[in-house]
PDB file of N, CA and C in Angstrom:
ATOM      1  N   MET A   1      13.541  -0.360 -11.705  1.00  0.00           N
ATOM      2  CA  MET A   1      14.018  -1.039 -10.527  1.00  0.00           C
ATOM      3  C   MET A   1      12.940  -2.065 -10.440  1.00  0.00           C
ATOM      4  N   ASP A   2      13.362  -3.299 -10.139  1.00  0.00           N
ATOM      5  CA  ASP A   2      12.502  -4.326  -9.916  1.00  0.00           C
ATOM      6  C   ASP A   2      12.328  -4.692  -8.302  1.00  0.00           C
ATOM      7  N   LEU A   3      11.139  -4.489  -7.708  1.00  0.00           N
ATOM      8  CA  LEU A   3      11.363  -4.692  -6.122  1.00  0.00           C
ATOM      9  C   LEU A   3      10.622  -5.883  -5.927  1.00  0.00           C
ATOM     10  N   LYS A   4      11.332  -6.724  -5.157  1.00  0.00           N
ATOM     11  CA  LYS A   4      10.491  -8.105  -4.797  1.00  0.00           C
ATOM     12  C   LYS A   4      10.856  -8.205  -3.241  1.00  0.00           C
ATOM     13  N   PHE A   5       9.564  -8.098  -2.515  1.00  0.00           N
ATOM     14  CA  PHE A   5       9.589  -8.548  -0.924  1.00  0.00           C
ATOM     15  C   PHE A   5       8.449  -9.249  -0.731  1.00  0.00           C
ATOM     16  N   THR A   6       8.578  -9.988   0.245  1.00  0.00           N
ATOM     17  CA  THR A   6       7.724 -11.005   0.294  1.00  0.00           C
ATOM     18  C   THR A   6       6.641 -10.367   1.831  1.00  0.00           C
ATOM     19  N   THR A   7       7.212  -9.441   2.412  1.00  0.00           N
ATOM     20  CA  THR A   7       6.172  -8.773   3.546  1.00  0.00           C
ATOM     21  C   THR A   7       6.476  -7.288   3.573  1.00  0.00           C
ATOM     22  N   ALA A   8       5.288  -6.632   4.074  1.00  0.00           N
ATOM     23  CA  ALA A   8       5.664  -5.118   4.212  1.00  0.00           C
ATOM     24  C   ALA A   8       6.795  -4.893   5.314  1.00  0.00           C
ATOM     25  N   GLY A   9       6.932  -5.689   6.155  1.00  0.00           N
ATOM     26  CA  GLY A   9       8.256  -5.516   7.104  1.00  0.00           C
ATOM     27  C   GLY A   9       9.528  -5.508   6.440  1.00  0.00           C
ATOM     28  N   ASP A  10       9.765  -6.512   5.436  1.00  0.00           N
ATOM     29  CA  ASP A  10      10.855  -6.500   4.812  1.00  0.00           C
ATOM     30  C   ASP A  10      11.043  -5.328   4.160  1.00  0.00           C
ATOM     31  N   TYR A  11      10.036  -4.719   3.331  1.00  0.00           N
ATOM     32  CA  TYR A  11      10.378  -3.490   2.582  1.00  0.00           C
ATOM     33  C   TYR A  11      10.540  -2.455   3.412  1.00  0.00           C
ATOM     34  N   MET A  12      10.036  -2.375   4.449  1.00  0.00           N
ATOM     35  CA  MET A  12       9.781  -1.052   5.366  1.00  0.00           C
ATOM     36  C   MET A  12      11.283  -0.787   5.993  1.00  0.00           C
ATOM     37  N   LYS A  13      12.128  -1.929   6.215  1.00  0.00           N
ATOM     38  CA  LYS A  13      13.439  -1.676   6.621  1.00  0.00           C
ATOM     39  C   LYS A  13      14.315  -0.619   5.793  1.00  0.00           C
ATOM     40  N   ASP A  14      14.125  -0.473   4.767  1.00  0.00           N
ATOM     41  CA  ASP A  14      14.659   0.536   3.964  1.00  0.00           C
ATOM     42  C   ASP A  14      14.157   1.795   3.551  1.00  0.00           C
ATOM     43  N   LEU A  15      12.900   2.132   4.003  1.00  0.00           N
ATOM     44  CA  LEU A  15      12.216   3.078   3.872  1.00  0.00           C
ATOM     45  C   LEU A  15      12.844   4.380   4.600  1.00  0.00           C
ATOM     46  N   GLU A  16      12.486   5.558   4.356  1.00  0.00           N
ATOM     47  CA  GLU A  16      12.686   7.032   5.167  1.00  0.00           C
ATOM     48  C   GLU A  16      11.577   6.993   5.891  1.00  0.00           C
ATOM     49  N   TYR A  17      11.491   6.918   7.045  1.00  0.00           N
ATOM     50  CA  TYR A  17      10.410   7.013   7.877  1.00  0.00           C
ATOM     51  C   TYR A  17       9.780   8.501   8.025  1.00  0.00           C
ATOM     52  N   ASP A  18      10.589   9.498   7.544  1.00  0.00           N
ATOM     53  CA  ASP A  18      10.186  10.610   7.630  1.00  0.00           C
ATOM     54  C   ASP A  18       9.658  11.272   6.428  1.00  0.00           C
ATOM     55  N   LYS A  19       9.387  10.300   5.524  1.00  0.00           N
ATOM     56  CA  LYS A  19       8.873  10.664   4.110  1.00  0.00           C
ATOM     57  C   LYS A  19       7.434  10.954   4.402  1.00  0.00           C
ATOM     58  N   VAL A  20       6.673  11.728   3.544  1.00  0.00           N
ATOM     59  CA  VAL A  20       5.512  12.207   3.710  1.00  0.00           C
ATOM     60  C   VAL A  20       4.675  11.468   2.379  1.00  0.00           C
ATOM     61  N   TYR A  21       3.559  10.726   2.380  1.00  0.00           N
ATOM     62  CA  TYR A  21       3.287  10.087   1.465  1.00  0.00           C
ATOM     63  C   TYR A  21       1.710  10.686   1.061  1.00  0.00           C
ATOM     64  N   ASP A  22       1.282  10.667  -0.328  1.00  0.00           N
ATOM     65  CA  ASP A  22       0.107  11.181  -0.625  1.00  0.00           C
ATOM     66  C   ASP A  22      -0.930  10.182  -0.192  1.00  0.00           C
ATOM     67  N   ARG A  23      -2.031  10.731   0.502  1.00  0.00           N
ATOM     68  CA  ARG A  23      -3.004   9.646   1.149  1.00  0.00           C
ATOM     69  C   ARG A  23      -4.200   9.649   0.508  1.00  0.00           C
ATOM     70  N   ARG A  24      -4.428  10.035  -0.726  1.00  0.00           N
ATOM     71  CA  ARG A  24      -5.688  10.147  -1.477  1.00  0.00           C
ATOM     72  C   ARG A  24      -6.371   8.862  -1.706  1.00  0.00           C
ATOM     73  N   HIS A  25      -7.482   8.906  -1.407  1.00  0.00           N
ATOM     74  CA  HIS A  25      -8.470   7.811  -1.482  1.00  0.00           C
ATOM     75  C   HIS A  25      -8.166   7.235  -2.896  1.00  0.00           C
ATOM     76  N   GLY A  26      -7.753   5.870  -2.906  1.00  0.00           N
ATOM     77  CA  GLY A  26      -7.507   5.071  -4.189  1.00  0.00           C
ATOM     78  C   GLY A  26      -6.184   5.209  -4.629  1.00  0.00           C
ATOM     79  N   GLY A  27      -5.210   6.184  -3.930  1.00  0.00           N
ATOM     80  CA  GLY A  27      -3.900   6.126  -4.249  1.00  0.00           C
ATOM     81  C   GLY A  27      -3.236   4.826  -3.849  1.00  0.00           C
ATOM     82  N   PRO A  28      -1.867   4.798  -4.041  1.00  0.00           N
ATOM     83  CA  PRO A  28      -1.055   3.598  -3.520  1.00  0.00           C
ATOM     84  C   PRO A  28      -0.944   3.348  -1.993  1.00  0.00           C
ATOM     85  N   PHE A  29      -0.787   4.437  -1.172  1.00  0.00           N
ATOM     86  CA  PHE A  29      -0.736   4.362   0.078  1.00  0.00           C
ATOM     87  C   PHE A  29      -2.099   4.114   0.728  1.00  0.00           C
ATOM     88  N   ASP A  30      -3.033   4.664   0.376  1.00  0.00           N
ATOM     89  CA  ASP A  30      -4.235   4.168   0.825  1.00  0.00           C
ATOM     90  C   ASP A  30      -4.597   2.676   0.586  1.00  0.00           C
ATOM     91  N   ARG A  31      -4.388   2.253  -0.761  1.00  0.00           N
ATOM     92  CA  ARG A  31      -4.824   0.944  -1.068  1.00  0.00           C
ATOM     93  C   ARG A  31      -3.973  -0.068  -0.205  1.00  0.00           C
ATOM     94  N   GLY A  32      -2.683   0.260   0.370  1.00  0.00           N
ATOM     95  CA  GLY A  32      -1.937  -0.493   1.027  1.00  0.00           C
ATOM     96  C   GLY A  32      -2.605  -0.590   2.460  1.00  0.00           C
ATOM     97  N   GLY A  33      -2.798   0.412   3.021  1.00  0.00           N
ATOM     98  CA  GLY A  33      -3.848   0.617   4.406  1.00  0.00           C
ATOM     99  C   GLY A  33      -5.082  -0.441   4.218  1.00  0.00           C
ATOM    100  N   ALA A  34      -5.713  -0.406   3.327  1.00  0.00           N
ATOM    101  CA  ALA A  34      -7.105  -0.970   2.936  1.00  0.00           C
ATOM    102  C   ALA A  34      -6.711  -2.264   3.011  1.00  0.00           C
ATOM    103  N   ASP A  35      -5.704  -2.818   2.211  1.00  0.00           N
ATOM    104  CA  ASP A  35      -5.158  -4.086   2.118  1.00  0.00           C
ATOM    105  C   ASP A  35      -5.048  -4.825   3.468  1.00  0.00           C
ATOM    106  N   SER A  36      -4.282  -4.043   4.317  1.00  0.00           N
ATOM    107  CA  SER A  36      -3.802  -4.390   5.521  1.00  0.00           C
ATOM    108  C   SER A  36      -5.446  -4.550   6.467  1.00  0.00           C
ATOM    109  N   TYR A  37      -5.948  -3.381   6.520  1.00  0.00           N
ATOM    110  CA  TYR A  37      -7.146  -3.257   7.323  1.00  0.00           C
ATOM    111  C   TYR A  37      -8.274  -4.484   7.194  1.00  0.00           C
ATOM    112  N   TYR A  38      -8.304  -5.074   5.750  1.00  0.00           N
ATOM    113  CA  TYR A  38      -9.246  -5.963   5.422  1.00  0.00           C
ATOM    114  C   TYR A  38      -8.703  -7.336   5.662  1.00  0.00           C
ATOM    115  N   GLY A  39      -7.239  -7.423   5.901  1.00  0.00           N
ATOM    116  CA  GLY A  39      -6.673  -8.724   6.064  1.00  0.00           C
ATOM    117  C   GLY A  39      -6.387  -9.327   4.764  1.00  0.00           C
ATOM    118  N   ARG A  40      -6.144  -8.526   3.819  1.00  0.00           N
ATOM    119  CA  ARG A  40      -5.699  -9.036   2.401  1.00  0.00           C
ATOM    120  C   ARG A  40      -4.526  -9.198   2.036  1.00  0.00           C
ATOM    121  N   SER A  41      -3.772  -9.905   1.697  1.00  0.00           N
ATOM    122  CA  SER A  41      -2.272 -10.231   1.162  1.00  0.00           C
ATOM    123  C   SER A  41      -1.855  -9.002   0.445  1.00  0.00           C
ATOM    124  N   ILE A  42      -0.455  -8.906   0.660  1.00  0.00           N
ATOM    125  CA  ILE A  42       0.088  -7.768  -0.237  1.00  0.00           C
ATOM    126  C   ILE A  42      -0.004  -7.830  -1.646  1.00  0.00           C
ATOM    127  N   ASP A  43      -0.410  -7.037  -2.361  1.00  0.00           N
ATOM    128  CA  ASP A  43      -0.910  -7.074  -3.767  1.00  0.00           C
ATOM    129  C   ASP A  43      -0.679  -5.490  -4.086  1.00  0.00           C
ATOM    130  N   PRO A  44       0.519  -4.901  -4.251  1.00  0.00           N
ATOM    131  CA  PRO A  44       0.551  -3.555  -4.789  1.00  0.00           C
ATOM    132  C   PRO A  44      -0.221  -3.247  -6.027  1.00  0.00           C
ATOM    133  N   HIS A  45      -0.991  -2.022  -5.740  1.00  0.00           N
ATOM    134  CA  HIS A  45      -1.816  -1.447  -6.712  1.00  0.00           C
ATOM    135  C   HIS A  45      -2.471  -0.309  -6.190  1.00  0.00           C
ATOM    136  N   TYR A  46      -3.021   0.474  -7.166  1.00  0.00           N
ATOM    137  CA  TYR A  46      -3.802   1.732  -7.001  1.00  0.00           C
ATOM    138  C   TYR A  46      -4.869   1.972  -7.991  1.00  0.00           C
ATOM    139  N   PHE A  47      -5.635   3.168  -7.752  1.00  0.00           N
ATOM    140  CA  PHE A  47      -6.544   3.469  -8.829  1.00  0.00           C
ATOM    141  C   PHE A  47      -6.237   5.045  -9.305  1.00  0.00           C
ATOM    142  N   LEU A  48      -6.416   5.193 -10.591  1.00  0.00           N
ATOM    143  CA  LEU A  48      -6.075   6.512 -11.147  1.00  0.00           C
ATOM    144  C   LEU A  48      -7.027   7.507 -10.400  1.00  0.00           C
ATOM    145  N   GLY A  49      -8.264   7.291 -10.185  1.00  0.00           N
ATOM    146  CA  GLY A  49      -9.263   7.876  -9.684  1.00  0.00           C
ATOM    147  C   GLY A  49      -9.799   7.356  -8.518  1.00  0.00           C
ATOM    148  N   GLY A  50     -11.077   7.133  -8.159  1.00  0.00           N
ATOM    149  CA  GLY A  50     -11.720   6.746  -6.929  1.00  0.00           C
ATOM    150  C   GLY A  50     -11.461   5.125  -6.799  1.00  0.00           C
ATOM    151  N   THR A  51     -11.424   4.537  -5.894  1.00  0.00           N
ATOM    152  CA  THR A  51     -11.458   2.997  -5.557  1.00  0.00           C
ATOM    153  C   THR A  51     -12.688   2.372  -6.248  1.00  0.00           C
ATOM    154  N   GLY A  52     -12.181   1.581  -7.052  1.00  0.00           N
ATOM    155  CA  GLY A  52     -13.214   0.800  -7.772  1.00  0.00           C
ATOM    156  C   GLY A  52     -14.039   1.565  -8.882  1.00  0.00           C
ATOM    157  N   THR A  53     -13.865   2.855  -9.093  1.00  0.00           N
ATOM    158  CA  THR A  53     -14.676   3.412 -10.029  1.00  0.00           C
ATOM    159  C   THR A  53     -13.785   3.970 -11.062  1.00  0.00           C
ATOM    160  N   SER A  54     -12.634   3.544 -11.068  1.00  0.00           N
ATOM    161  CA  SER A  54     -11.659   4.163 -12.161  1.00  0.00           C
ATOM    162  C   SER A  54     -10.576   2.875 -12.394  1.00  0.00           C
ATOM    163  N   GLN A  55      -9.731   3.174 -13.428  1.00  0.00           N
ATOM    164  CA  GLN A  55      -8.666   2.273 -13.787  1.00  0.00           C
ATOM    165  C   GLN A  55      -7.888   1.736 -12.770  1.00  0.00           C
ATOM    166  N   ARG A  56      -7.779   0.522 -12.598  1.00  0.00           N
ATOM    167  CA  ARG A  56      -6.649  -0.145 -11.342  1.00  0.00           C
ATOM    168  C   ARG A  56      -5.485  -0.206 -12.170  1.00  0.00           C
ATOM    169  N   ILE A  57      -4.382   0.090 -11.032  1.00  0.00           N
ATOM    170  CA  ILE A  57      -2.887   0.152 -11.877  1.00  0.00           C
ATOM    171  C   ILE A  57      -2.270  -0.876 -10.916  1.00  0.00           C
ATOM    172  N   GLY A  58      -1.852  -1.940 -11.463  1.00  0.00           N
ATOM    173  CA  GLY A  58      -1.151  -3.183 -10.842  1.00  0.00           C
ATOM    174  C   GLY A  58       0.346  -2.906 -10.600  1.00  0.00           C
ATOM    175  N   ARG A  59       0.922  -3.905 -10.127  1.00  0.00           N
ATOM    176  CA  ARG A  59       2.471  -3.809  -9.610  1.00  0.00           C
ATOM    177  C   ARG A  59       3.234  -3.363 -10.938  1.00  0.00           C
ATOM    178  N   GLU A  60       2.955  -4.304 -11.968  1.00  0.00           N
ATOM    179  CA  GLU A  60       3.733  -4.023 -13.412  1.00  0.00           C
ATOM    180  C   GLU A  60       3.522  -2.674 -13.920  1.00  0.00           C
ATOM    181  N   GLY A  61       2.552  -1.731 -13.622  1.00  0.00           N
ATOM    182  CA  GLY A  61       2.397  -0.204 -13.936  1.00  0.00           C
ATOM    183  C   GLY A  61       2.801   0.581 -13.050  1.00  0.00           C
ATOM    184  N   MET A  62       3.411   0.150 -12.020  1.00  0.00           N
ATOM    185  CA  MET A  62       3.716   1.087 -10.945  1.00  0.00           C
ATOM    186  C   MET A  62       5.128   1.309 -10.974  1.00  0.00           C
ATOM    187  N   THR A  63       5.307   2.575 -10.429  1.00  0.00           N
ATOM    188  CA  THR A  63       6.641   3.080 -10.333  1.00  0.00           C
ATOM    189  C   THR A  63       7.127   2.740  -8.835  1.00  0.00           C
ATOM    190  N   ALA A  64       8.657   2.762  -8.698  1.00  0.00           N
ATOM    191  CA  ALA A  64       9.141   2.315  -7.473  1.00  0.00           C
ATOM    192  C   ALA A  64       8.688   3.109  -6.513  1.00  0.00           C
ATOM    193  N   ASP A  65       8.450   4.448  -6.688  1.00  0.00           N
ATOM    194  CA  ASP A  65       8.056   5.421  -5.350  1.00  0.00           C
ATOM    195  C   ASP A  65       6.646   5.001  -5.062  1.00  0.00           C
ATOM    196  N   GLU A  66       5.587   4.704  -6.175  1.00  0.00           N
ATOM    197  CA  GLU A  66       4.279   4.282  -5.852  1.00  0.00           C
ATOM    198  C   GLU A  66       4.362   2.787  -5.230  1.00  0.00           C
ATOM    199  N   ILE A  67       5.106   2.007  -5.393  1.00  0.00           N
ATOM    200  CA  ILE A  67       5.180   0.671  -4.810  1.00  0.00           C
ATOM    201  C   ILE A  67       5.636   0.885  -3.355  1.00  0.00           C
ATOM    202  N   GLU A  68       6.630   1.747  -3.076  1.00  0.00           N
ATOM    203  CA  GLU A  68       7.087   2.082  -1.692  1.00  0.00           C
ATOM    204  C   GLU A  68       5.803   2.664  -1.005  1.00  0.00           C
ATOM    205  N   ALA A  69       5.075   3.626  -1.704  1.00  0.00           N
ATOM    206  CA  ALA A  69       3.702   4.436  -0.820  1.00  0.00           C
ATOM    207  C   ALA A  69       2.898   3.257  -0.360  1.00  0.00           C
ATOM    208  N   TYR A  70       2.711   2.053  -1.365  1.00  0.00           N
ATOM    209  CA  TYR A  70       1.819   1.034  -1.011  1.00  0.00           C
ATOM    210  C   TYR A  70       2.292   0.463   0.004  1.00  0.00           C
ATOM    211  N   TYR A  71       3.598  -0.179   0.318  1.00  0.00           N
ATOM    212  CA  TYR A  71       4.254  -0.904   1.354  1.00  0.00           C
ATOM    213  C   TYR A  71       3.988  -0.075   2.461  1.00  0.00           C
ATOM    214  N   ALA A  72       4.091   1.494   2.512  1.00  0.00           N
ATOM    215  CA  ALA A  72       4.442   2.258   3.656  1.00  0.00           C
ATOM    216  C   ALA A  72       2.727   2.227   4.191  1.00  0.00           C
ATOM    217  N   GLY A  73       1.959   2.332   3.291  1.00  0.00           N
ATOM    218  CA  GLY A  73       0.520   2.242   3.752  1.00  0.00           C
ATOM    219  C   GLY A  73       0.181   1.049   4.500  1.00  0.00           C
ATOM    220  N   TYR A  74       0.525  -0.215   3.921  1.00  0.00           N
ATOM    221  CA  TYR A  74       0.464  -1.367   4.468  1.00  0.00           C
ATOM    222  C   TYR A  74       0.936  -1.422   6.033  1.00  0.00           C
ATOM    223  N   GLU A  75       2.281  -1.121   5.746  1.00  0.00           N
ATOM    224  CA  GLU A  75       2.987  -1.270   7.223  1.00  0.00           C
ATOM    225  C   GLU A  75       2.526  -0.357   8.387  1.00  0.00           C
ATOM    226  N   GLU A  76       2.060   0.886   7.858  1.00  0.00           N
ATOM    227  CA  GLU A  76       1.537   1.894   8.786  1.00  0.00           C
ATOM    228  C   GLU A  76       0.159   1.317   9.521  1.00  0.00           C
ATOM    229  N   ASN A  77      -0.624   0.582   8.852  1.00  0.00           N
ATOM    230  CA  ASN A  77      -1.765   0.014   9.322  1.00  0.00           C
ATOM    231  C   ASN A  77      -1.530  -1.255   9.997  1.00  0.00           C
ATOM    232  N   GLU A  78      -0.334  -2.068   9.851  1.00  0.00           N
ATOM    233  CA  GLU A  78      -0.190  -3.200  10.642  1.00  0.00           C
ATOM    234  C   GLU A  78       0.323  -2.729  11.854  1.00  0.00           C
ATOM    235  N   GLN A  79       0.960  -1.602  11.874  1.00  0.00           N
ATOM    236  CA  GLN A  79       1.732  -1.211  13.234  1.00  0.00           C
ATOM    237  C   GLN A  79       0.654  -0.432  14.116  1.00  0.00           C
ATOM    238  N   ARG A  80      -0.230  -0.069  13.728  1.00  0.00           N
ATOM    239  CA  ARG A  80      -1.397   0.563  14.218  1.00  0.00           C
ATOM    240  C   ARG A  80      -2.259  -0.841  14.815  1.00  0.00           C
ATOM    241  N   GLY A  81      -2.342  -1.795  14.000  1.00  0.00           N
ATOM    242  CA  GLY A  81      -3.158  -2.795  14.370  1.00  0.00           C
ATOM    243  C   GLY A  81      -4.613  -2.757  14.221  1.00  0.00           C
ATOM    244  N   ASP A  82      -5.092  -1.751  13.281  1.00  0.00           N
ATOM    245  CA  ASP A  82      -6.446  -1.329  12.822  1.00  0.00           C
ATOM    246  C   ASP A  82      -6.880  -2.480  11.711  1.00  0.00           C
ATOM    247  N   LYS A  83      -7.664  -3.385  12.345  1.00  0.00           N
ATOM    248  CA  LYS A  83      -8.242  -4.290  11.483  1.00  0.00           C
ATOM    249  C   LYS A  83      -9.724  -4.580  11.411  1.00  0.00           C
ATOM    250  N   LYS A  84     -10.042  -4.851  10.302  1.00  0.00           N
ATOM    251  CA  LYS A  84     -11.967  -4.771  10.347  1.00  0.00           C
ATOM    252  C   LYS A  84     -12.327  -6.014  11.326  1.00  0.00           C
ATOM    253  N   ASP A  85     -13.273  -5.884  11.991  1.00  0.00           N
ATOM    254  CA  ASP A  85     -14.020  -6.723  13.056  1.00  0.00           C
ATOM    255  C   ASP A  85     -14.881  -7.490  12.193  1.00  0.00           C
ATOM    256  N   TRP A  86     -14.726  -8.848  11.866  1.00  0.00           N
ATOM    257  CA  TRP A  86     -15.480  -9.533  10.998  1.00  0.00           C
ATOM    258  C   TRP A  86     -16.658 -10.113  11.745  1.00  0.00           C
ATOM    259  N   GLY A  87     -16.582 -10.167  13.072  1.00  0.00           N
ATOM    260  CA  GLY A  87     -17.505 -10.817  14.106  1.00  0.00           C
ATOM    261  C   GLY A  87     -18.705 -10.192  14.139  1.00  0.00           C
TER     262      GLY A  87
END
């Protein structure tokens, strides 16, 4: 399945909101939330182990469920409004 969306909001319209995602550090959900927190653009990815200390898997290597988890993490953080204060 090839998923193409431009914003987390576009993707979240089709998600099951009662779904539970693995929140492991470095995982897709975690990386989506981190990208939102730091004000980065949407770029689905995750790490096999710890963030930055293991192999990075990009969109092309992700399953549809992993991409969904990334977008869910991004959108959850967007809805919370938890952003890094760069000031």
